[in-house]
Amino acid sequence: FLRRGPRGEDLVMEDCLDDLTRDAVKFIRTESSNKEKPFFLYF
């Protein structure tokens, strides 16, 4: 189910959850290396 509307060509519906997961994992890896500052991730 989708409603008609504008879509960026880099957003493919079947890939969306993978795209977001990849970015969340990158955030965790990057911020985990900063031992001086904790992180909060809302996913």
PDB file of all heavy atoms in Angstrom:
ATOM      1  N   PHE A   1       0.818  -1.210   0.000  1.00  0.00           N
ATOM      2  CA  PHE A   1       0.000   0.000   0.000  1.00  0.00           C
ATOM      3  C   PHE A   1       0.855   1.264   0.000  1.00  0.00           C
ATOM      4  O   PHE A   1       1.708   1.463   0.863  1.00  0.00           O
ATOM      5  CB  PHE A   1      -0.934   0.017   1.206  1.00  0.00           C
ATOM      6  CG  PHE A   1      -1.776   1.251   1.293  1.00  0.00           C
ATOM      7  CD1 PHE A   1      -2.937   1.359   0.545  1.00  0.00           C
ATOM      8  CD2 PHE A   1      -1.400   2.314   2.091  1.00  0.00           C
ATOM      9  CE1 PHE A   1      -3.728   2.498   0.605  1.00  0.00           C
ATOM     10  CE2 PHE A   1      -2.173   3.465   2.162  1.00  0.00           C
ATOM     11  CZ  PHE A   1      -3.339   3.556   1.411  1.00  0.00           C
ATOM     12  N   LEU A   2       0.590   2.134  -0.971  1.00  0.00           N
ATOM     13  CA  LEU A   2       1.261   3.431  -1.059  1.00  0.00           C
ATOM     14  C   LEU A   2       0.282   4.467  -1.578  1.00  0.00           C
ATOM     15  O   LEU A   2      -0.616   4.149  -2.370  1.00  0.00           O
ATOM     16  CB  LEU A   2       2.471   3.363  -2.004  1.00  0.00           C
ATOM     17  CG  LEU A   2       3.691   2.571  -1.534  1.00  0.00           C
ATOM     18  CD1 LEU A   2       4.655   2.368  -2.691  1.00  0.00           C
ATOM     19  CD2 LEU A   2       4.372   3.270  -0.375  1.00  0.00           C
ATOM     20  N   ARG A   3       0.483   5.701  -1.161  1.00  0.00           N
ATOM     21  CA  ARG A   3      -0.273   6.822  -1.701  1.00  0.00           C
ATOM     22  C   ARG A   3       0.553   7.497  -2.794  1.00  0.00           C
ATOM     23  O   ARG A   3       1.783   7.497  -2.741  1.00  0.00           O
ATOM     24  CB  ARG A   3      -0.608   7.826  -0.589  1.00  0.00           C
ATOM     25  CG  ARG A   3      -1.528   7.269   0.481  1.00  0.00           C
ATOM     26  CD  ARG A   3      -1.659   8.232   1.650  1.00  0.00           C
ATOM     27  NE  ARG A   3      -2.652   7.784   2.631  1.00  0.00           N
ATOM     28  CZ  ARG A   3      -2.392   6.962   3.635  1.00  0.00           C
ATOM     29  NH1 ARG A   3      -1.168   6.485   3.807  1.00  0.00           N
ATOM     30  NH2 ARG A   3      -3.339   6.611   4.480  1.00  0.00           N
ATOM     31  N   ARG A   4      -0.115   8.081  -3.748  1.00  0.00           N
ATOM     32  CA  ARG A   4       0.579   8.751  -4.840  1.00  0.00           C
ATOM     33  C   ARG A   4       1.281  10.001  -4.327  1.00  0.00           C
ATOM     34  O   ARG A   4       0.744  10.753  -3.522  1.00  0.00           O
ATOM     35  CB  ARG A   4      -0.410   9.119  -5.943  1.00  0.00           C
ATOM     36  CG  ARG A   4       0.209   9.700  -7.207  1.00  0.00           C
ATOM     37  CD  ARG A   4      -0.867   9.957  -8.247  1.00  0.00           C
ATOM     38  NE  ARG A   4      -0.312  10.381  -9.533  1.00  0.00           N
ATOM     39  CZ  ARG A   4      -0.004  11.625  -9.847  1.00  0.00           C
ATOM     40  NH1 ARG A   4      -0.208  12.593  -8.958  1.00  0.00           N
ATOM     41  NH2 ARG A   4       0.494  11.918 -11.030  1.00  0.00           N
ATOM     42  N   GLY A   5       2.513  10.211  -4.803  1.00  0.00           N
ATOM     43  CA  GLY A   5       3.221  11.412  -4.384  1.00  0.00           C
ATOM     44  C   GLY A   5       4.662  11.416  -4.830  1.00  0.00           C
ATOM     45  O   GLY A   5       5.148  10.449  -5.440  1.00  0.00           O
ATOM     46  N   PRO A   6       5.403  12.497  -4.553  1.00  0.00           N
ATOM     47  CA  PRO A   6       6.795  12.607  -4.989  1.00  0.00           C
ATOM     48  C   PRO A   6       7.708  11.665  -4.201  1.00  0.00           C
ATOM     49  O   PRO A   6       7.535  11.458  -3.001  1.00  0.00           O
ATOM     50  CB  PRO A   6       7.133  14.067  -4.715  1.00  0.00           C
ATOM     51  CG  PRO A   6       6.206  14.482  -3.636  1.00  0.00           C
ATOM     52  CD  PRO A   6       4.948  13.725  -3.866  1.00  0.00           C
ATOM     53  N   ARG A   7       8.702  11.118  -4.933  1.00  0.00           N
ATOM     54  CA  ARG A   7       9.667  10.201  -4.325  1.00  0.00           C
ATOM     55  C   ARG A   7      11.062  10.506  -4.842  1.00  0.00           C
ATOM     56  O   ARG A   7      11.268  10.684  -6.048  1.00  0.00           O
ATOM     57  CB  ARG A   7       9.299   8.743  -4.641  1.00  0.00           C
ATOM     58  CG  ARG A   7      10.319   7.713  -4.118  1.00  0.00           C
ATOM     59  CD  ARG A   7       9.852   6.289  -4.362  1.00  0.00           C
ATOM     60  NE  ARG A   7       9.696   5.984  -5.776  1.00  0.00           N
ATOM     61  CZ  ARG A   7      10.696   5.618  -6.584  1.00  0.00           C
ATOM     62  NH1 ARG A   7      11.950   5.544  -6.127  1.00  0.00           N
ATOM     63  NH2 ARG A   7      10.450   5.335  -7.855  1.00  0.00           N
ATOM     64  N   GLY A   8      12.010  10.597  -3.918  1.00  0.00           N
ATOM     65  CA  GLY A   8      13.403  10.714  -4.317  1.00  0.00           C
ATOM     66  C   GLY A   8      13.863   9.405  -4.943  1.00  0.00           C
ATOM     67  O   GLY A   8      13.516   8.322  -4.439  1.00  0.00           O
ATOM     68  N   GLU A   9      14.641   9.486  -5.987  1.00  0.00           N
ATOM     69  CA  GLU A   9      15.039   8.261  -6.687  1.00  0.00           C
ATOM     70  C   GLU A   9      15.942   7.367  -5.852  1.00  0.00           C
ATOM     71  O   GLU A   9      16.100   6.178  -6.155  1.00  0.00           O
ATOM     72  CB  GLU A   9      15.715   8.611  -8.018  1.00  0.00           C
ATOM     73  CG  GLU A   9      14.757   9.230  -9.021  1.00  0.00           C
ATOM     74  CD  GLU A   9      15.375   9.361 -10.397  1.00  0.00           C
ATOM     75  OE1 GLU A   9      15.501   8.323 -11.089  1.00  0.00           O
ATOM     76  OE2 GLU A   9      15.736  10.487 -10.777  1.00  0.00           O
ATOM     77  N   ASP A  10      16.547   7.911  -4.790  1.00  0.00           N
ATOM     78  CA  ASP A  10      17.406   7.078  -3.942  1.00  0.00           C
ATOM     79  C   ASP A  10      16.616   6.344  -2.862  1.00  0.00           C
ATOM     80  O   ASP A  10      17.191   5.570  -2.096  1.00  0.00           O
ATOM     81  CB  ASP A  10      18.518   7.927  -3.301  1.00  0.00           C
ATOM     82  CG  ASP A  10      17.980   9.032  -2.385  1.00  0.00           C
ATOM     83  OD1 ASP A  10      16.789   9.380  -2.508  1.00  0.00           O
ATOM     84  OD2 ASP A  10      18.763   9.545  -1.577  1.00  0.00           O
ATOM     85  N   LEU A  11      15.307   6.563  -2.797  1.00  0.00           N
ATOM     86  CA  LEU A  11      14.479   5.846  -1.830  1.00  0.00           C
ATOM     87  C   LEU A  11      13.683   4.774  -2.565  1.00  0.00           C
ATOM     88  O   LEU A  11      12.725   5.070  -3.286  1.00  0.00           O
ATOM     89  CB  LEU A  11      13.533   6.799  -1.096  1.00  0.00           C
ATOM     90  CG  LEU A  11      12.911   6.274   0.206  1.00  0.00           C
ATOM     91  CD1 LEU A  11      12.380   7.424   1.062  1.00  0.00           C
ATOM     92  CD2 LEU A  11      11.793   5.264  -0.034  1.00  0.00           C
ATOM     93  N   VAL A  12      14.112   3.549  -2.397  1.00  0.00           N
ATOM     94  CA  VAL A  12      13.423   2.387  -2.963  1.00  0.00           C
ATOM     95  C   VAL A  12      12.721   1.686  -1.815  1.00  0.00           C
ATOM     96  O   VAL A  12      13.354   1.341  -0.811  1.00  0.00           O
ATOM     97  CB  VAL A  12      14.428   1.432  -3.647  1.00  0.00           C
ATOM     98  CG1 VAL A  12      13.721   0.195  -4.181  1.00  0.00           C
ATOM     99  CG2 VAL A  12      15.178   2.158  -4.757  1.00  0.00           C
ATOM    100  N   MET A  13      11.424   1.504  -1.929  1.00  0.00           N
ATOM    101  CA  MET A  13      10.632   1.022  -0.806  1.00  0.00           C
ATOM    102  C   MET A  13      11.184  -0.265  -0.187  1.00  0.00           C
ATOM    103  O   MET A  13      11.312  -0.385   1.035  1.00  0.00           O
ATOM    104  CB  MET A  13       9.175   0.811  -1.228  1.00  0.00           C
ATOM    105  CG  MET A  13       8.495   2.062  -1.761  1.00  0.00           C
ATOM    106  SD  MET A  13       8.533   3.422  -0.573  1.00  0.00           S
ATOM    107  CE  MET A  13       7.874   4.764  -1.568  1.00  0.00           C
ATOM    108  N   GLU A  14      11.508  -1.237  -1.012  1.00  0.00           N
ATOM    109  CA  GLU A  14      11.995  -2.517  -0.500  1.00  0.00           C
ATOM    110  C   GLU A  14      13.355  -2.393   0.173  1.00  0.00           C
ATOM    111  O   GLU A  14      13.748  -3.260   0.962  1.00  0.00           O
ATOM    112  CB  GLU A  14      12.076  -3.551  -1.628  1.00  0.00           C
ATOM    113  CG  GLU A  14      10.733  -4.002  -2.162  1.00  0.00           C
ATOM    114  CD  GLU A  14      10.244  -3.127  -3.323  1.00  0.00           C
ATOM    115  OE1 GLU A  14      10.707  -1.961  -3.422  1.00  0.00           O
ATOM    116  OE2 GLU A  14       9.420  -3.611  -4.105  1.00  0.00           O
ATOM    117  N   ASP A  15      14.097  -1.310  -0.127  1.00  0.00           N
ATOM    118  CA  ASP A  15      15.426  -1.117   0.446  1.00  0.00           C
ATOM    119  C   ASP A  15      15.431  -0.200   1.664  1.00  0.00           C
ATOM    120  O   ASP A  15      16.467  -0.042   2.322  1.00  0.00           O
ATOM    121  CB  ASP A  15      16.377  -0.519  -0.602  1.00  0.00           C
ATOM    122  CG  ASP A  15      16.647  -1.460  -1.757  1.00  0.00           C
ATOM    123  OD1 ASP A  15      16.483  -2.688  -1.581  1.00  0.00           O
ATOM    124  OD2 ASP A  15      17.027  -0.964  -2.841  1.00  0.00           O
ATOM    125  N   CYS A  16      14.295   0.419   1.962  1.00  0.00           N
ATOM    126  CA  CYS A  16      14.268   1.481   2.968  1.00  0.00           C
ATOM    127  C   CYS A  16      14.741   0.991   4.340  1.00  0.00           C
ATOM    128  O   CYS A  16      15.592   1.634   4.977  1.00  0.00           O
ATOM    129  CB  CYS A  16      12.869   2.075   3.069  1.00  0.00           C
ATOM    130  SG  CYS A  16      12.759   3.476   4.211  1.00  0.00           S
ATOM    131  N   LEU A  17      14.216  -0.117   4.813  1.00  0.00           N
ATOM    132  CA  LEU A  17      14.606  -0.590   6.134  1.00  0.00           C
ATOM    133  C   LEU A  17      16.090  -0.952   6.173  1.00  0.00           C
ATOM    134  O   LEU A  17      16.776  -0.694   7.171  1.00  0.00           O
ATOM    135  CB  LEU A  17      13.747  -1.790   6.542  1.00  0.00           C
ATOM    136  CG  LEU A  17      13.873  -2.251   7.996  1.00  0.00           C
ATOM    137  CD1 LEU A  17      13.646  -1.108   8.977  1.00  0.00           C
ATOM    138  CD2 LEU A  17      12.907  -3.398   8.282  1.00  0.00           C
ATOM    139  N   ASP A  18      16.593  -1.507   5.091  1.00  0.00           N
ATOM    140  CA  ASP A  18      18.033  -1.790   5.009  1.00  0.00           C
ATOM    141  C   ASP A  18      18.858  -0.510   5.047  1.00  0.00           C
ATOM    142  O   ASP A  18      19.889  -0.439   5.717  1.00  0.00           O
ATOM    143  CB  ASP A  18      18.348  -2.546   3.720  1.00  0.00           C
ATOM    144  CG  ASP A  18      18.101  -4.039   3.819  1.00  0.00           C
ATOM    145  OD1 ASP A  18      17.743  -4.509   4.919  1.00  0.00           O
ATOM    146  OD2 ASP A  18      18.264  -4.733   2.804  1.00  0.00           O
ATOM    147  N   ASP A  19      18.403   0.509   4.315  1.00  0.00           N
ATOM    148  CA  ASP A  19      19.130   1.787   4.290  1.00  0.00           C
ATOM    149  C   ASP A  19      19.218   2.384   5.692  1.00  0.00           C
ATOM    150  O   ASP A  19      20.278   2.854   6.123  1.00  0.00           O
ATOM    151  CB  ASP A  19      18.431   2.787   3.364  1.00  0.00           C
ATOM    152  CG  ASP A  19      18.507   2.394   1.898  1.00  0.00           C
ATOM    153  OD1 ASP A  19      19.359   1.550   1.543  1.00  0.00           O
ATOM    154  OD2 ASP A  19      17.703   2.933   1.105  1.00  0.00           O
ATOM    155  N   LEU A  20      18.101   2.368   6.395  1.00  0.00           N
ATOM    156  CA  LEU A  20      18.071   2.933   7.733  1.00  0.00           C
ATOM    157  C   LEU A  20      18.918   2.114   8.706  1.00  0.00           C
ATOM    158  O   LEU A  20      19.638   2.671   9.553  1.00  0.00           O
ATOM    159  CB  LEU A  20      16.625   3.016   8.232  1.00  0.00           C
ATOM    160  CG  LEU A  20      15.685   3.908   7.415  1.00  0.00           C
ATOM    161  CD1 LEU A  20      14.259   3.790   7.936  1.00  0.00           C
ATOM    162  CD2 LEU A  20      16.139   5.368   7.449  1.00  0.00           C
ATOM    163  N   THR A  21      18.844   0.803   8.572  1.00  0.00           N
ATOM    164  CA  THR A  21      19.638  -0.069   9.449  1.00  0.00           C
ATOM    165  C   THR A  21      21.123   0.168   9.252  1.00  0.00           C
ATOM    166  O   THR A  21      21.890   0.256  10.227  1.00  0.00           O
ATOM    167  CB  THR A  21      19.298  -1.542   9.175  1.00  0.00           C
ATOM    168  OG1 THR A  21      17.898  -1.756   9.374  1.00  0.00           O
ATOM    169  CG2 THR A  21      20.090  -2.473  10.086  1.00  0.00           C
ATOM    170  N   ARG A  22      21.523   0.291   8.016  1.00  0.00           N
ATOM    171  CA  ARG A  22      22.933   0.543   7.707  1.00  0.00           C
ATOM    172  C   ARG A  22      23.397   1.856   8.353  1.00  0.00           C
ATOM    173  O   ARG A  22      24.497   1.941   8.916  1.00  0.00           O
ATOM    174  CB  ARG A  22      23.117   0.583   6.191  1.00  0.00           C
ATOM    175  CG  ARG A  22      24.530   0.546   5.708  1.00  0.00           C
ATOM    176  CD  ARG A  22      24.617   0.091   4.253  1.00  0.00           C
ATOM    177  NE  ARG A  22      23.546   0.612   3.427  1.00  0.00           N
ATOM    178  CZ  ARG A  22      22.604  -0.145   2.859  1.00  0.00           C
ATOM    179  NH1 ARG A  22      22.604  -1.452   3.027  1.00  0.00           N
ATOM    180  NH2 ARG A  22      21.670   0.406   2.110  1.00  0.00           N
ATOM    181  N   ASP A  23      22.557   2.871   8.306  1.00  0.00           N
ATOM    182  CA  ASP A  23      22.921   4.164   8.875  1.00  0.00           C
ATOM    183  C   ASP A  23      22.951   4.102  10.409  1.00  0.00           C
ATOM    184  O   ASP A  23      23.829   4.708  11.039  1.00  0.00           O
ATOM    185  CB  ASP A  23      21.929   5.231   8.413  1.00  0.00           C
ATOM    186  CG  ASP A  23      22.550   6.612   8.356  1.00  0.00           C
ATOM    187  OD1 ASP A  23      23.257   6.909   7.385  1.00  0.00           O
ATOM    188  OD2 ASP A  23      22.335   7.380   9.309  1.00  0.00           O
ATOM    189  N   ALA A  24      22.010   3.383  10.999  1.00  0.00           N
ATOM    190  CA  ALA A  24      21.990   3.241  12.455  1.00  0.00           C
ATOM    191  C   ALA A  24      23.225   2.504  12.946  1.00  0.00           C
ATOM    192  O   ALA A  24      23.850   2.889  13.945  1.00  0.00           O
ATOM    193  CB  ALA A  24      20.723   2.509  12.890  1.00  0.00           C
ATOM    194  N   VAL A  25      23.597   1.455  12.244  1.00  0.00           N
ATOM    195  CA  VAL A  25      24.791   0.688  12.607  1.00  0.00           C
ATOM    196  C   VAL A  25      26.041   1.554  12.489  1.00  0.00           C
ATOM    197  O   VAL A  25      26.935   1.508  13.348  1.00  0.00           O
ATOM    198  CB  VAL A  25      24.901  -0.575  11.732  1.00  0.00           C
ATOM    199  CG1 VAL A  25      26.291  -1.206  11.844  1.00  0.00           C
ATOM    200  CG2 VAL A  25      23.817  -1.579  12.119  1.00  0.00           C
ATOM    201  N   LYS A  26      26.107   2.369  11.450  1.00  0.00           N
ATOM    202  CA  LYS A  26      27.254   3.273  11.278  1.00  0.00           C
ATOM    203  C   LYS A  26      27.325   4.266  12.435  1.00  0.00           C
ATOM    204  O   LYS A  26      28.414   4.557  12.956  1.00  0.00           O
ATOM    205  CB  LYS A  26      27.139   4.020   9.951  1.00  0.00           C
ATOM    206  CG  LYS A  26      28.313   4.944   9.666  1.00  0.00           C
ATOM    207  CD  LYS A  26      28.154   5.641   8.328  1.00  0.00           C
ATOM    208  CE  LYS A  26      29.317   6.600   8.063  1.00  0.00           C
ATOM    209  NZ  LYS A  26      29.148   7.313   6.758  1.00  0.00           N
ATOM    210  N   PHE A  27      26.182   4.800  12.843  1.00  0.00           N
ATOM    211  CA  PHE A  27      26.150   5.733  13.970  1.00  0.00           C
ATOM    212  C   PHE A  27      26.690   5.056  15.233  1.00  0.00           C
ATOM    213  O   PHE A  27      27.495   5.631  15.980  1.00  0.00           O
ATOM    214  CB  PHE A  27      24.724   6.235  14.192  1.00  0.00           C
ATOM    215  CG  PHE A  27      24.577   7.219  15.317  1.00  0.00           C
ATOM    216  CD1 PHE A  27      24.697   8.581  15.084  1.00  0.00           C
ATOM    217  CD2 PHE A  27      24.311   6.791  16.617  1.00  0.00           C
ATOM    218  CE1 PHE A  27      24.566   9.503  16.126  1.00  0.00           C
ATOM    219  CE2 PHE A  27      24.175   7.699  17.661  1.00  0.00           C
ATOM    220  CZ  PHE A  27      24.311   9.065  17.407  1.00  0.00           C
ATOM    221  N   ILE A  28      26.244   3.829  15.494  1.00  0.00           N
ATOM    222  CA  ILE A  28      26.694   3.099  16.678  1.00  0.00           C
ATOM    223  C   ILE A  28      28.199   2.873  16.631  1.00  0.00           C
ATOM    224  O   ILE A  28      28.915   3.106  17.622  1.00  0.00           O
ATOM    225  CB  ILE A  28      25.943   1.756  16.790  1.00  0.00           C
ATOM    226  CG1 ILE A  28      24.466   2.003  17.091  1.00  0.00           C
ATOM    227  CG2 ILE A  28      26.572   0.865  17.868  1.00  0.00           C
ATOM    228  CD1 ILE A  28      23.591   0.781  16.938  1.00  0.00           C
ATOM    229  N   ARG A  29      28.703   2.428  15.481  1.00  0.00           N
ATOM    230  CA  ARG A  29      30.148   2.181  15.358  1.00  0.00           C
ATOM    231  C   ARG A  29      30.960   3.462  15.553  1.00  0.00           C
ATOM    232  O   ARG A  29      31.962   3.475  16.276  1.00  0.00           O
ATOM    233  CB  ARG A  29      30.447   1.584  13.983  1.00  0.00           C
ATOM    234  CG  ARG A  29      29.969   0.156  13.812  1.00  0.00           C
ATOM    235  CD  ARG A  29      30.154  -0.289  12.369  1.00  0.00           C
ATOM    236  NE  ARG A  29      29.737  -1.677  12.178  1.00  0.00           N
ATOM    237  CZ  ARG A  29      29.517  -2.229  10.981  1.00  0.00           C
ATOM    238  NH1 ARG A  29      29.661  -1.492   9.868  1.00  0.00           N
ATOM    239  NH2 ARG A  29      29.142  -3.479  10.897  1.00  0.00           N
ATOM    240  N   THR A  30      30.505   4.533  14.928  1.00  0.00           N
ATOM    241  CA  THR A  30      31.236   5.795  15.010  1.00  0.00           C
ATOM    242  C   THR A  30      31.243   6.343  16.421  1.00  0.00           C
ATOM    243  O   THR A  30      32.291   6.727  16.960  1.00  0.00           O
ATOM    244  CB  THR A  30      30.627   6.825  14.049  1.00  0.00           C
ATOM    245  OG1 THR A  30      30.689   6.330  12.713  1.00  0.00           O
ATOM    246  CG2 THR A  30      31.368   8.148  14.125  1.00  0.00           C
ATOM    247  N   GLU A  31      30.075   6.393  17.043  1.00  0.00           N
ATOM    248  CA  GLU A  31      29.984   7.007  18.366  1.00  0.00           C
ATOM    249  C   GLU A  31      30.535   6.116  19.465  1.00  0.00           C
ATOM    250  O   GLU A  31      30.951   6.618  20.516  1.00  0.00           O
ATOM    251  CB  GLU A  31      28.528   7.387  18.663  1.00  0.00           C
ATOM    252  CG  GLU A  31      27.939   8.390  17.684  1.00  0.00           C
ATOM    253  CD  GLU A  31      28.830   9.616  17.477  1.00  0.00           C
ATOM    254  OE1 GLU A  31      29.430  10.079  18.475  1.00  0.00           O
ATOM    255  OE2 GLU A  31      28.924  10.101  16.338  1.00  0.00           O
ATOM    256  N   SER A  32      30.592   4.810  19.236  1.00  0.00           N
ATOM    257  CA  SER A  32      31.190   3.912  20.228  1.00  0.00           C
ATOM    258  C   SER A  32      32.686   4.140  20.363  1.00  0.00           C
ATOM    259  O   SER A  32      33.286   3.843  21.404  1.00  0.00           O
ATOM    260  CB  SER A  32      30.927   2.449  19.852  1.00  0.00           C
ATOM    261  OG  SER A  32      29.551   2.150  19.929  1.00  0.00           O
ATOM    262  N   SER A  33      33.284   4.662  19.298  1.00  0.00           N
ATOM    263  CA  SER A  33      34.733   4.902  19.337  1.00  0.00           C
ATOM    264  C   SER A  33      35.090   6.146  20.147  1.00  0.00           C
ATOM    265  O   SER A  33      36.254   6.364  20.483  1.00  0.00           O
ATOM    266  CB  SER A  33      35.279   5.049  17.910  1.00  0.00           C
ATOM    267  OG  SER A  33      34.740   6.199  17.277  1.00  0.00           O
ATOM    268  N   ASN A  34      34.092   6.969  20.456  1.00  0.00           N
ATOM    269  CA  ASN A  34      34.312   8.172  21.249  1.00  0.00           C
ATOM    270  C   ASN A  34      34.148   7.815  22.724  1.00  0.00           C
ATOM    271  O   ASN A  34      33.033   7.752  23.245  1.00  0.00           O
ATOM    272  CB  ASN A  34      33.319   9.267  20.856  1.00  0.00           C
ATOM    273  CG  ASN A  34      33.552  10.566  21.598  1.00  0.00           C
ATOM    274  OD1 ASN A  34      34.404  10.652  22.479  1.00  0.00           O
ATOM    275  ND2 ASN A  34      32.791  11.587  21.243  1.00  0.00           N
ATOM    276  N   LYS A  35      35.243   7.571  23.383  1.00  0.00           N
ATOM    277  CA  LYS A  35      35.195   7.111  24.773  1.00  0.00           C
ATOM    278  C   LYS A  35      34.870   8.237  25.757  1.00  0.00           C
ATOM    279  O   LYS A  35      34.594   7.981  26.930  1.00  0.00           O
ATOM    280  CB  LYS A  35      36.538   6.477  25.159  1.00  0.00           C
ATOM    281  CG  LYS A  35      36.971   5.329  24.246  1.00  0.00           C
ATOM    282  CD  LYS A  35      35.926   4.217  24.172  1.00  0.00           C
ATOM    283  CE  LYS A  35      36.389   3.088  23.267  1.00  0.00           C
ATOM    284  NZ  LYS A  35      35.342   2.034  23.126  1.00  0.00           N
ATOM    285  N   GLU A  36      34.891   9.474  25.271  1.00  0.00           N
ATOM    286  CA  GLU A  36      34.664  10.617  26.158  1.00  0.00           C
ATOM    287  C   GLU A  36      33.199  11.028  26.215  1.00  0.00           C
ATOM    288  O   GLU A  36      32.816  11.803  27.087  1.00  0.00           O
ATOM    289  CB  GLU A  36      35.512  11.815  25.683  1.00  0.00           C
ATOM    290  CG  GLU A  36      37.002  11.536  25.613  1.00  0.00           C
ATOM    291  CD  GLU A  36      37.567  11.123  26.971  1.00  0.00           C
ATOM    292  OE1 GLU A  36      37.164  11.746  27.968  1.00  0.00           O
ATOM    293  OE2 GLU A  36      38.390  10.194  27.010  1.00  0.00           O
ATOM    294  N   LYS A  37      32.398  10.535  25.279  1.00  0.00           N
ATOM    295  CA  LYS A  37      31.028  11.023  25.188  1.00  0.00           C
ATOM    296  C   LYS A  37      30.073   9.868  24.915  1.00  0.00           C
ATOM    297  O   LYS A  37      30.222   9.150  23.922  1.00  0.00           O
ATOM    298  CB  LYS A  37      30.940  12.056  24.062  1.00  0.00           C
ATOM    299  CG  LYS A  37      29.729  12.962  24.117  1.00  0.00           C
ATOM    300  CD  LYS A  37      29.898  14.146  23.167  1.00  0.00           C
ATOM    301  CE  LYS A  37      28.825  15.180  23.417  1.00  0.00           C
ATOM    302  NZ  LYS A  37      29.013  16.407  22.652  1.00  0.00           N
ATOM    303  N   PRO A  38      29.059   9.655  25.765  1.00  0.00           N
ATOM    304  CA  PRO A  38      28.069   8.619  25.488  1.00  0.00           C
ATOM    305  C   PRO A  38      27.148   9.053  24.355  1.00  0.00           C
ATOM    306  O   PRO A  38      27.094  10.233  23.999  1.00  0.00           O
ATOM    307  CB  PRO A  38      27.308   8.495  26.806  1.00  0.00           C
ATOM    308  CG  PRO A  38      27.396   9.863  27.397  1.00  0.00           C
ATOM    309  CD  PRO A  38      28.758  10.394  27.010  1.00  0.00           C
ATOM    310  N   PHE A  39      26.410   8.104  23.810  1.00  0.00           N
ATOM    311  CA  PHE A  39      25.487   8.447  22.730  1.00  0.00           C
ATOM    312  C   PHE A  39      24.078   7.960  23.039  1.00  0.00           C
ATOM    313  O   PHE A  39      23.866   7.011  23.788  1.00  0.00           O
ATOM    314  CB  PHE A  39      25.959   7.895  21.387  1.00  0.00           C
ATOM    315  CG  PHE A  39      25.926   6.381  21.264  1.00  0.00           C
ATOM    316  CD1 PHE A  39      24.746   5.708  20.934  1.00  0.00           C
ATOM    317  CD2 PHE A  39      27.076   5.624  21.450  1.00  0.00           C
ATOM    318  CE1 PHE A  39      24.710   4.322  20.808  1.00  0.00           C
ATOM    319  CE2 PHE A  39      27.057   4.234  21.327  1.00  0.00           C
ATOM    320  CZ  PHE A  39      25.873   3.589  21.010  1.00  0.00           C
ATOM    321  N   PHE A  40      23.134   8.660  22.435  1.00  0.00           N
ATOM    322  CA  PHE A  40      21.727   8.261  22.439  1.00  0.00           C
ATOM    323  C   PHE A  40      21.286   8.121  20.995  1.00  0.00           C
ATOM    324  O   PHE A  40      21.414   9.054  20.203  1.00  0.00           O
ATOM    325  CB  PHE A  40      20.864   9.309  23.151  1.00  0.00           C
ATOM    326  CG  PHE A  40      19.379   9.175  22.877  1.00  0.00           C
ATOM    327  CD1 PHE A  40      18.701   7.986  23.111  1.00  0.00           C
ATOM    328  CD2 PHE A  40      18.641  10.256  22.388  1.00  0.00           C
ATOM    329  CE1 PHE A  40      17.335   7.861  22.852  1.00  0.00           C
ATOM    330  CE2 PHE A  40      17.277  10.146  22.137  1.00  0.00           C
ATOM    331  CZ  PHE A  40      16.632   8.953  22.369  1.00  0.00           C
ATOM    332  N   LEU A  41      20.771   6.950  20.643  1.00  0.00           N
ATOM    333  CA  LEU A  41      20.228   6.712  19.301  1.00  0.00           C
ATOM    334  C   LEU A  41      18.763   6.330  19.415  1.00  0.00           C
ATOM    335  O   LEU A  41      18.409   5.340  20.055  1.00  0.00           O
ATOM    336  CB  LEU A  41      20.987   5.583  18.601  1.00  0.00           C
ATOM    337  CG  LEU A  41      20.400   5.148  17.247  1.00  0.00           C
ATOM    338  CD1 LEU A  41      20.433   6.287  16.233  1.00  0.00           C
ATOM    339  CD2 LEU A  41      21.117   3.914  16.699  1.00  0.00           C
ATOM    340  N   TYR A  42      17.925   7.123  18.782  1.00  0.00           N
ATOM    341  CA  TYR A  42      16.501   6.812  18.627  1.00  0.00           C
ATOM    342  C   TYR A  42      16.338   6.236  17.235  1.00  0.00           C
ATOM    343  O   TYR A  42      16.627   6.909  16.235  1.00  0.00           O
ATOM    344  CB  TYR A  42      15.691   8.090  18.809  1.00  0.00           C
ATOM    345  CG  TYR A  42      14.212   7.993  18.521  1.00  0.00           C
ATOM    346  CD1 TYR A  42      13.452   6.876  18.857  1.00  0.00           C
ATOM    347  CD2 TYR A  42      13.548   9.068  17.915  1.00  0.00           C
ATOM    348  CE1 TYR A  42      12.094   6.821  18.592  1.00  0.00           C
ATOM    349  CE2 TYR A  42      12.187   9.025  17.649  1.00  0.00           C
ATOM    350  CZ  TYR A  42      11.471   7.903  17.992  1.00  0.00           C
ATOM    351  OH  TYR A  42      10.118   7.850  17.717  1.00  0.00           O
ATOM    352  N   PHE A  43      15.905   4.976  17.153  1.00  0.00           N
ATOM    353  CA  PHE A  43      15.844   4.250  15.881  1.00  0.00           C
ATOM    354  C   PHE A  43      14.405   3.798  15.621  1.00  0.00           C
ATOM    355  O   PHE A  43      14.050   2.649  15.855  1.00  0.00           O
ATOM    356  CB  PHE A  43      16.794   3.057  15.937  1.00  0.00           C
ATOM    357  CG  PHE A  43      16.950   2.295  14.640  1.00  0.00           C
ATOM    358  CD1 PHE A  43      16.658   2.856  13.410  1.00  0.00           C
ATOM    359  CD2 PHE A  43      17.415   0.984  14.655  1.00  0.00           C
ATOM    360  CE1 PHE A  43      16.801   2.149  12.224  1.00  0.00           C
ATOM    361  CE2 PHE A  43      17.577   0.265  13.480  1.00  0.00           C
ATOM    362  CZ  PHE A  43      17.261   0.838  12.266  1.00  0.00           C
TER     363      PHE A  43
END
